[in-house]
Amino acid sequence: MNLHLLIPALLWPDLSQRDIYHDLSLPTLEIILAKSERIKDQPREIDAWLCHTFGITKQQDWPVAPIMLQIDSPDKIKNSKDYWIRADPVHLRIEQNHIMLADSQIFQITQEEANQFAEVLNDNFNKDNLTFLPLCPDRWYVHTTDIPAIHTHSLSQMTCRNINNSLPFGQDSMRWHRTFNEIQMLLHEHPLNQARTVRGELAINSIWFWGGGTMPKKVTSNYNQIWSHDAFPRALAQASHTQHAELPPNASTWQQLATPGNHLVVLNSLLEKANYRNAYSWRENLKELERNWFTPLHQALQKGTIDQLTITSMNENSTLNFTVTRASLWKFWRPIKSLMTYNIT
């Protein structure tokens, strides 16, 4: 049985904060990484990595929106040529000369609120052939009758980032910038946001456009089963006719449930902490992964229950792939290094 762990932000993204690794005890993970064959690749955010891994060709964007529609509302994909864009609710805050973006990881929004926000947007933008569909409270879509000549940055890329230079770009960018500005004005004045502010909640004062495209003709998988809490891996599993299951609480439970074959396990709990630079939570989460996943998987390798373990991690600096087998564990000449070492080499 082969296991591939996808762990975004396994390494802290800010290379200047080397003290974050101080007194961070991860002995099993460090053994696994030291005995692995390591391959360094270009930086990729998680959705781009998943699309690439599942054989999806990049269009103007990675076509996350139409793929996700397969699980959120499959009846909407009536024509493979339909163009869909993710249009997710966000909170923007001005800090000095920056405009910082926060996503739904740090605010709550109900389906009723989403519907009311979308109603206002549709009243205003139907004349432009844009239809907003809040199919989930924090996962919205836009259908457009023409294919816009724009490229976008994914929401994951922009979380807790300055968006000043990251709005849609391309031949039709000015139109989408105007749309972006109009949306901010409409939402700023919305009574729901005034009520949210009174309650001490973040206002939903903008929309982030990303992940546009048409449904790919083919989605392929090298895995027999995919395990995750997230919607996008589940959508890819469905599109590639691969089994999907919810992520178990630990590797020991996973071993009891898994059948022979190739498995992809998505462990992305570190990503939110890294995006929002929550150092303490990131460190504590890593310790949990050490106990719940790395230690039992190392034992499984030693026993031969798992033939091969691959760990892929990415952040804004690089993508690293570590592959270890049972035989690799005997390579005593490979010294054990701290996790920090892999962040700077």
Protein backbone atom coordinates (compact mmCIF):
# COMPACT_ATOMS: atom_id res chain seq x y z
CA MET A 1 0.00 0.00 0.00
CA ASN A 2 1.32 3.44 -0.96
CA LEU A 3 0.36 6.63 0.83
CA HIS A 4 0.75 10.19 -0.39
CA LEU A 5 0.33 12.90 2.27
CA LEU A 6 -0.42 16.38 0.95
CA ILE A 7 0.49 18.84 3.72
CA PRO A 8 0.46 22.51 2.66
CA ALA A 9 2.51 24.80 4.93
CA LEU A 10 4.44 21.97 6.59
CA LEU A 11 7.26 24.52 6.45
CA TRP A 12 6.68 28.03 7.78
CA PRO A 13 6.45 30.44 4.81
CA ASP A 14 8.34 33.36 6.34
CA LEU A 15 12.00 32.45 5.93
CA SER A 16 13.08 35.26 8.26
CA GLN A 17 11.26 33.76 11.26
CA ARG A 18 13.66 30.91 11.93
CA ASP A 19 13.00 31.07 15.67
CA ILE A 20 9.55 29.56 15.08
CA TYR A 21 11.25 26.15 15.05
CA HIS A 22 12.94 26.70 18.43
CA ASP A 23 12.20 23.83 20.84
CA LEU A 24 9.77 22.31 18.34
CA SER A 25 10.13 18.57 18.95
CA LEU A 26 9.22 16.51 15.87
CA PRO A 27 11.55 13.49 16.08
CA THR A 28 9.52 11.12 13.90
CA LEU A 29 8.88 13.63 11.11
CA GLU A 30 12.58 14.52 11.09
CA ILE A 31 13.51 10.83 10.71
CA ILE A 32 11.06 10.39 7.82
CA LEU A 33 12.35 13.49 6.01
CA ALA A 34 16.02 12.59 6.60
CA LYS A 35 15.61 9.10 5.11
CA SER A 36 13.56 10.32 2.14
CA GLU A 37 14.51 11.11 -1.41
CA ARG A 38 13.79 14.80 -1.79
CA ILE A 39 12.72 16.61 -4.95
CA LYS A 40 12.23 20.38 -5.03
CA ASP A 41 9.67 21.85 -7.41
CA GLN A 42 8.27 25.28 -8.26
CA PRO A 43 5.90 26.94 -5.78
CA ARG A 44 2.26 25.91 -6.22
CA GLU A 45 -0.72 26.69 -4.05
CA ILE A 46 -2.86 23.72 -3.08
CA ASP A 47 -5.61 24.02 -5.72
CA ALA A 48 -3.04 24.36 -8.51
CA TRP A 49 -1.16 21.30 -7.24
CA LEU A 50 -4.34 19.25 -7.10
CA CYS A 51 -5.39 20.28 -10.62
CA HIS A 52 -1.94 19.47 -12.00
CA THR A 53 -1.88 16.11 -10.19
CA PHE A 54 -5.29 15.16 -11.58
CA GLY A 55 -4.22 15.83 -15.16
CA ILE A 56 -6.15 19.06 -15.57
CA THR A 57 -4.87 21.57 -18.09
CA LYS A 58 -4.72 25.18 -16.95
CA GLN A 59 -7.11 27.40 -18.88
CA GLN A 60 -6.95 31.13 -18.21
CA ASP A 61 -7.14 29.99 -14.58
CA TRP A 62 -7.11 26.56 -13.02
CA PRO A 63 -10.82 25.70 -13.57
CA VAL A 64 -11.80 25.20 -9.94
CA ALA A 65 -15.29 26.68 -10.31
CA PRO A 66 -16.80 24.23 -12.85
CA ILE A 67 -15.20 21.25 -11.08
CA MET A 68 -16.67 22.33 -7.74
CA LEU A 69 -20.09 22.77 -9.32
CA GLN A 70 -20.15 19.01 -9.84
CA ILE A 71 -20.78 18.59 -6.12
CA ASP A 72 -22.47 21.89 -5.27
CA SER A 73 -25.03 21.88 -8.07
CA PRO A 74 -24.38 19.36 -10.87
CA ASP A 75 -27.56 20.34 -12.69
CA LYS A 76 -25.99 23.76 -13.41
CA ILE A 77 -23.38 22.22 -15.70
CA LYS A 78 -25.71 21.64 -18.61
CA ASN A 79 -23.18 22.59 -21.24
CA SER A 80 -19.48 21.81 -21.05
CA LYS A 81 -18.82 25.19 -22.68
CA ASP A 82 -20.47 27.15 -19.85
CA TYR A 83 -18.00 29.48 -18.16
CA TRP A 84 -18.09 29.66 -14.37
CA ILE A 85 -16.05 31.72 -11.92
CA ARG A 86 -15.78 31.37 -8.17
CA ALA A 87 -16.97 34.58 -6.50
CA ASP A 88 -16.41 34.05 -2.81
CA PRO A 89 -17.45 36.50 -0.07
CA VAL A 90 -14.51 38.16 1.67
CA HIS A 91 -13.68 40.93 4.10
CA LEU A 92 -11.33 43.69 2.98
CA ARG A 93 -9.57 45.99 5.40
CA ILE A 94 -7.40 49.00 4.62
CA GLU A 95 -4.11 48.98 6.51
CA GLN A 96 -1.91 51.99 5.70
CA ASN A 97 -1.62 51.83 1.90
CA HIS A 98 -2.53 48.14 1.68
CA ILE A 99 -5.87 46.42 1.22
CA MET A 100 -5.78 43.15 3.14
CA LEU A 101 -8.11 40.22 2.42
CA ALA A 102 -9.66 37.85 4.95
CA ASP A 103 -11.66 34.78 3.93
CA SER A 104 -14.34 32.72 5.63
CA GLN A 105 -11.80 30.95 7.81
CA ILE A 106 -12.15 33.88 10.23
CA PHE A 107 -15.77 34.95 9.76
CA GLN A 108 -19.18 33.28 9.76
CA ILE A 109 -21.85 33.84 7.15
CA THR A 110 -25.26 32.17 7.00
CA GLN A 111 -26.99 30.91 3.89
CA GLU A 112 -29.73 33.48 4.43
CA GLU A 113 -27.18 36.30 4.47
CA ALA A 114 -25.50 34.91 1.36
CA ASN A 115 -28.83 34.80 -0.48
CA GLN A 116 -29.67 38.39 0.45
CA PHE A 117 -26.25 39.68 -0.60
CA ALA A 118 -26.50 37.83 -3.91
CA GLU A 119 -29.98 39.21 -4.56
CA VAL A 120 -28.63 42.77 -4.44
CA LEU A 121 -25.72 41.86 -6.70
CA ASN A 122 -27.96 40.16 -9.25
CA ASP A 123 -30.35 43.13 -9.34
CA ASN A 124 -27.39 45.31 -10.25
CA PHE A 125 -25.38 43.03 -12.57
CA ASN A 126 -27.95 41.07 -14.54
CA LYS A 127 -27.70 43.79 -17.18
CA ASP A 128 -24.04 42.78 -17.58
CA ASN A 129 -24.97 39.11 -18.06
CA LEU A 130 -23.49 38.14 -14.67
CA THR A 131 -25.46 35.85 -12.35
CA PHE A 132 -24.30 35.29 -8.78
CA LEU A 133 -25.18 31.94 -7.22
CA PRO A 134 -24.49 31.51 -3.47
CA LEU A 135 -24.72 27.72 -3.54
CA CYS A 136 -23.00 27.49 -0.15
CA PRO A 137 -22.75 30.27 2.45
CA ASP A 138 -19.05 30.90 1.76
CA ARG A 139 -18.77 29.38 -1.72
CA TRP A 140 -20.37 31.44 -4.45
CA TYR A 141 -20.28 31.25 -8.23
CA VAL A 142 -20.77 33.56 -11.18
CA HIS A 143 -22.07 32.39 -14.52
CA THR A 144 -21.22 34.54 -17.51
CA THR A 145 -22.48 34.12 -21.05
CA ASP A 146 -19.10 35.01 -22.55
CA ILE A 147 -15.57 33.90 -21.68
CA PRO A 148 -13.80 36.86 -20.06
CA ALA A 149 -10.22 37.52 -21.13
CA ILE A 150 -8.86 37.67 -17.58
CA HIS A 151 -6.54 35.77 -15.28
CA THR A 152 -7.04 35.70 -11.53
CA HIS A 153 -5.25 34.78 -8.32
CA SER A 154 -6.76 32.03 -6.20
CA LEU A 155 -8.36 32.84 -2.87
CA SER A 156 -5.80 30.66 -1.11
CA GLN A 157 -3.00 32.75 -2.61
CA MET A 158 -4.53 36.01 -1.41
CA THR A 159 -5.70 35.12 2.09
CA CYS A 160 -4.24 37.65 4.53
CA ARG A 161 -2.39 39.33 1.65
CA ASN A 162 -2.34 42.79 0.10
CA ILE A 163 -4.57 42.65 -2.98
CA ASN A 164 -3.52 45.99 -4.51
CA ASN A 165 -1.60 44.38 -7.37
CA SER A 166 -3.54 41.12 -7.56
CA LEU A 167 -6.89 42.01 -9.10
CA PRO A 168 -7.90 40.23 -12.35
CA PHE A 169 -5.53 41.01 -15.19
CA GLY A 170 -5.77 40.60 -18.93
CA GLN A 171 -7.59 42.17 -21.87
CA ASP A 172 -10.91 42.50 -19.98
CA SER A 173 -9.36 43.49 -16.67
CA MET A 174 -10.74 47.05 -16.56
CA ARG A 175 -14.31 45.80 -16.81
CA TRP A 176 -13.73 43.39 -13.91
CA HIS A 177 -12.01 46.06 -11.84
CA ARG A 178 -15.09 48.25 -12.25
CA THR A 179 -17.30 45.33 -11.25
CA PHE A 180 -15.10 44.72 -8.22
CA ASN A 181 -15.41 48.37 -7.15
CA GLU A 182 -19.18 48.46 -7.71
CA ILE A 183 -19.61 45.35 -5.58
CA GLN A 184 -17.72 46.96 -2.71
CA MET A 185 -19.99 50.00 -2.82
CA LEU A 186 -23.15 47.88 -2.93
CA LEU A 187 -22.08 45.64 -0.05
CA HIS A 188 -20.73 48.48 2.08
CA GLU A 189 -24.20 50.04 2.24
CA HIS A 190 -26.08 46.78 2.74
CA PRO A 191 -28.17 46.64 5.96
CA LEU A 192 -26.87 43.16 6.71
CA ASN A 193 -23.33 44.52 6.97
CA GLN A 194 -24.47 47.31 9.22
CA ALA A 195 -26.07 44.69 11.46
CA ARG A 196 -22.93 42.54 11.37
CA THR A 197 -20.82 45.51 12.43
CA VAL A 198 -23.15 46.24 15.36
CA ARG A 199 -22.77 42.60 16.47
CA GLY A 200 -18.98 42.91 16.28
CA GLU A 201 -18.70 40.66 13.23
CA LEU A 202 -16.62 41.30 10.12
CA ALA A 203 -18.53 42.88 7.26
CA ILE A 204 -18.85 40.96 4.00
CA ASN A 205 -17.70 43.93 1.96
CA SER A 206 -16.35 42.38 -1.23
CA ILE A 207 -16.20 39.36 -3.53
CA TRP A 208 -13.07 37.60 -4.74
CA PHE A 209 -13.19 36.33 -8.33
CA TRP A 210 -11.00 33.31 -9.07
CA GLY A 211 -10.84 29.80 -10.50
CA GLY A 212 -12.73 30.50 -13.71
CA GLY A 213 -13.12 28.08 -16.58
CA THR A 214 -15.17 25.49 -18.39
CA MET A 215 -15.51 21.90 -17.23
CA PRO A 216 -12.39 19.91 -18.23
CA LYS A 217 -13.05 17.14 -20.69
CA LYS A 218 -10.99 14.71 -18.67
CA VAL A 219 -9.93 14.42 -15.02
CA THR A 220 -7.60 11.52 -14.22
CA SER A 221 -6.40 10.00 -10.96
CA ASN A 222 -3.48 7.76 -9.99
CA TYR A 223 -5.10 7.04 -6.63
CA ASN A 224 -7.54 4.37 -5.56
CA GLN A 225 -8.94 6.53 -2.78
CA ILE A 226 -8.77 10.15 -1.60
CA TRP A 227 -9.20 11.17 2.03
CA SER A 228 -9.95 14.76 3.01
CA HIS A 229 -12.24 17.14 4.86
CA ASP A 230 -12.22 19.59 1.96
CA ALA A 231 -14.66 20.03 -0.87
CA PHE A 232 -12.22 20.41 -3.77
CA PRO A 233 -10.45 17.03 -3.34
CA ARG A 234 -13.92 15.49 -3.04
CA ALA A 235 -14.97 17.16 -6.30
CA LEU A 236 -11.82 15.91 -8.04
CA ALA A 237 -12.51 12.41 -6.74
CA GLN A 238 -16.01 12.52 -8.19
CA ALA A 239 -14.82 13.93 -11.52
CA SER A 240 -12.12 11.24 -11.83
CA HIS A 241 -14.39 8.42 -10.59
CA THR A 242 -12.17 7.83 -7.58
CA GLN A 243 -13.39 6.79 -4.16
CA HIS A 244 -13.48 9.54 -1.54
CA ALA A 245 -13.80 9.38 2.24
CA GLU A 246 -13.74 11.85 5.09
CA LEU A 247 -10.36 12.28 6.75
CA PRO A 248 -9.98 9.97 9.78
CA PRO A 249 -8.75 11.50 13.06
CA ASN A 250 -5.38 9.74 12.88
CA ALA A 251 -3.23 7.35 10.87
CA SER A 252 -4.09 4.36 13.03
CA THR A 253 -7.78 4.72 12.17
CA TRP A 254 -6.88 5.32 8.54
CA GLN A 255 -4.95 2.03 8.41
CA GLN A 256 -7.98 0.16 9.71
CA LEU A 257 -10.17 1.64 6.97
CA ALA A 258 -7.76 1.69 4.01
CA THR A 259 -7.65 -1.09 1.43
CA PRO A 260 -4.61 -2.01 -0.70
CA GLY A 261 -3.72 0.51 -3.39
CA ASN A 262 -2.59 4.11 -3.77
CA HIS A 263 -4.03 6.64 -1.35
CA LEU A 264 -3.99 10.43 -1.18
CA VAL A 265 -4.54 11.97 2.26
CA VAL A 266 -4.97 15.75 2.39
CA LEU A 267 -3.83 17.22 5.72
CA ASN A 268 -4.28 20.96 5.30
CA SER A 269 -4.91 22.10 8.86
CA LEU A 270 -1.59 23.98 8.90
CA LEU A 271 -2.50 26.18 5.96
CA GLU A 272 -4.88 28.53 7.73
CA LYS A 273 -2.39 29.04 10.58
CA ALA A 274 0.40 29.82 8.15
CA ASN A 275 -1.71 32.15 5.99
CA TYR A 276 -2.73 34.22 9.01
CA ARG A 277 0.76 33.94 10.54
CA ASN A 278 -0.62 32.29 13.68
CA ALA A 279 2.71 30.87 14.84
CA TYR A 280 1.53 29.33 18.11
CA SER A 281 -1.37 27.42 16.52
CA TRP A 282 0.87 26.28 13.65
CA ARG A 283 3.40 24.83 16.11
CA GLU A 284 0.71 23.12 18.20
CA ASN A 285 -0.92 21.68 15.08
CA LEU A 286 2.41 20.26 13.95
CA LYS A 287 2.80 18.51 17.31
CA GLU A 288 -0.65 16.97 16.83
CA LEU A 289 0.34 15.74 13.36
CA GLU A 290 3.49 14.24 14.87
CA ARG A 291 1.42 12.25 17.38
CA ASN A 292 -1.55 11.36 15.20
CA TRP A 293 0.05 10.80 11.79
CA PHE A 294 3.84 10.83 11.53
CA THR A 295 4.57 8.47 14.44
CA PRO A 296 2.04 5.73 13.51
CA LEU A 297 2.98 5.99 9.83
CA HIS A 298 6.66 5.59 10.67
CA GLN A 299 5.75 2.46 12.63
CA ALA A 300 3.69 1.20 9.69
CA LEU A 301 6.69 1.67 7.41
CA GLN A 302 8.91 -0.27 9.79
CA LYS A 303 6.42 -3.14 9.87
CA GLY A 304 5.91 -3.12 6.12
CA THR A 305 2.21 -2.26 6.39
CA ILE A 306 2.96 0.68 4.10
CA ASP A 307 5.33 0.13 1.20
CA GLN A 308 5.97 3.78 0.36
CA LEU A 309 5.19 7.09 1.99
CA THR A 310 5.36 10.38 0.07
CA ILE A 311 4.96 13.77 1.74
CA THR A 312 4.34 16.79 -0.45
CA SER A 313 4.38 20.24 1.08
CA MET A 314 4.12 23.62 -0.56
CA ASN A 315 4.21 27.25 0.42
CA GLU A 316 4.90 30.49 -1.41
CA ASN A 317 8.60 29.65 -1.68
CA SER A 318 8.69 26.10 -3.06
CA THR A 319 7.09 22.68 -3.33
CA LEU A 320 8.97 19.81 -1.71
CA ASN A 321 8.38 16.10 -2.25
CA PHE A 322 9.80 13.55 0.20
CA THR A 323 9.53 9.84 -0.61
CA VAL A 324 10.56 7.10 1.82
CA THR A 325 10.31 3.31 1.76
CA ARG A 326 10.94 0.69 4.41
CA ALA A 327 14.39 0.05 2.98
CA SER A 328 15.19 3.77 3.07
CA LEU A 329 14.81 3.80 6.85
CA TRP A 330 18.05 1.79 7.10
CA LYS A 331 20.15 4.51 5.45
CA PHE A 332 22.04 5.33 8.64
CA TRP A 333 24.46 7.61 6.83
CA ARG A 334 21.75 10.20 6.29
CA PRO A 335 21.88 12.52 9.32
CA ILE A 336 18.72 13.61 11.12
CA LYS A 337 18.11 17.34 10.58
CA SER A 338 15.74 19.81 12.14
CA LEU A 339 12.65 20.81 10.19
CA MET A 340 14.06 24.31 9.82
CA THR A 341 16.88 22.97 7.64
CA TYR A 342 14.48 22.07 4.83
CA ASN A 343 13.09 25.59 4.79
CA ILE A 344 16.38 27.19 3.86
CA THR A 345 18.01 24.66 1.51
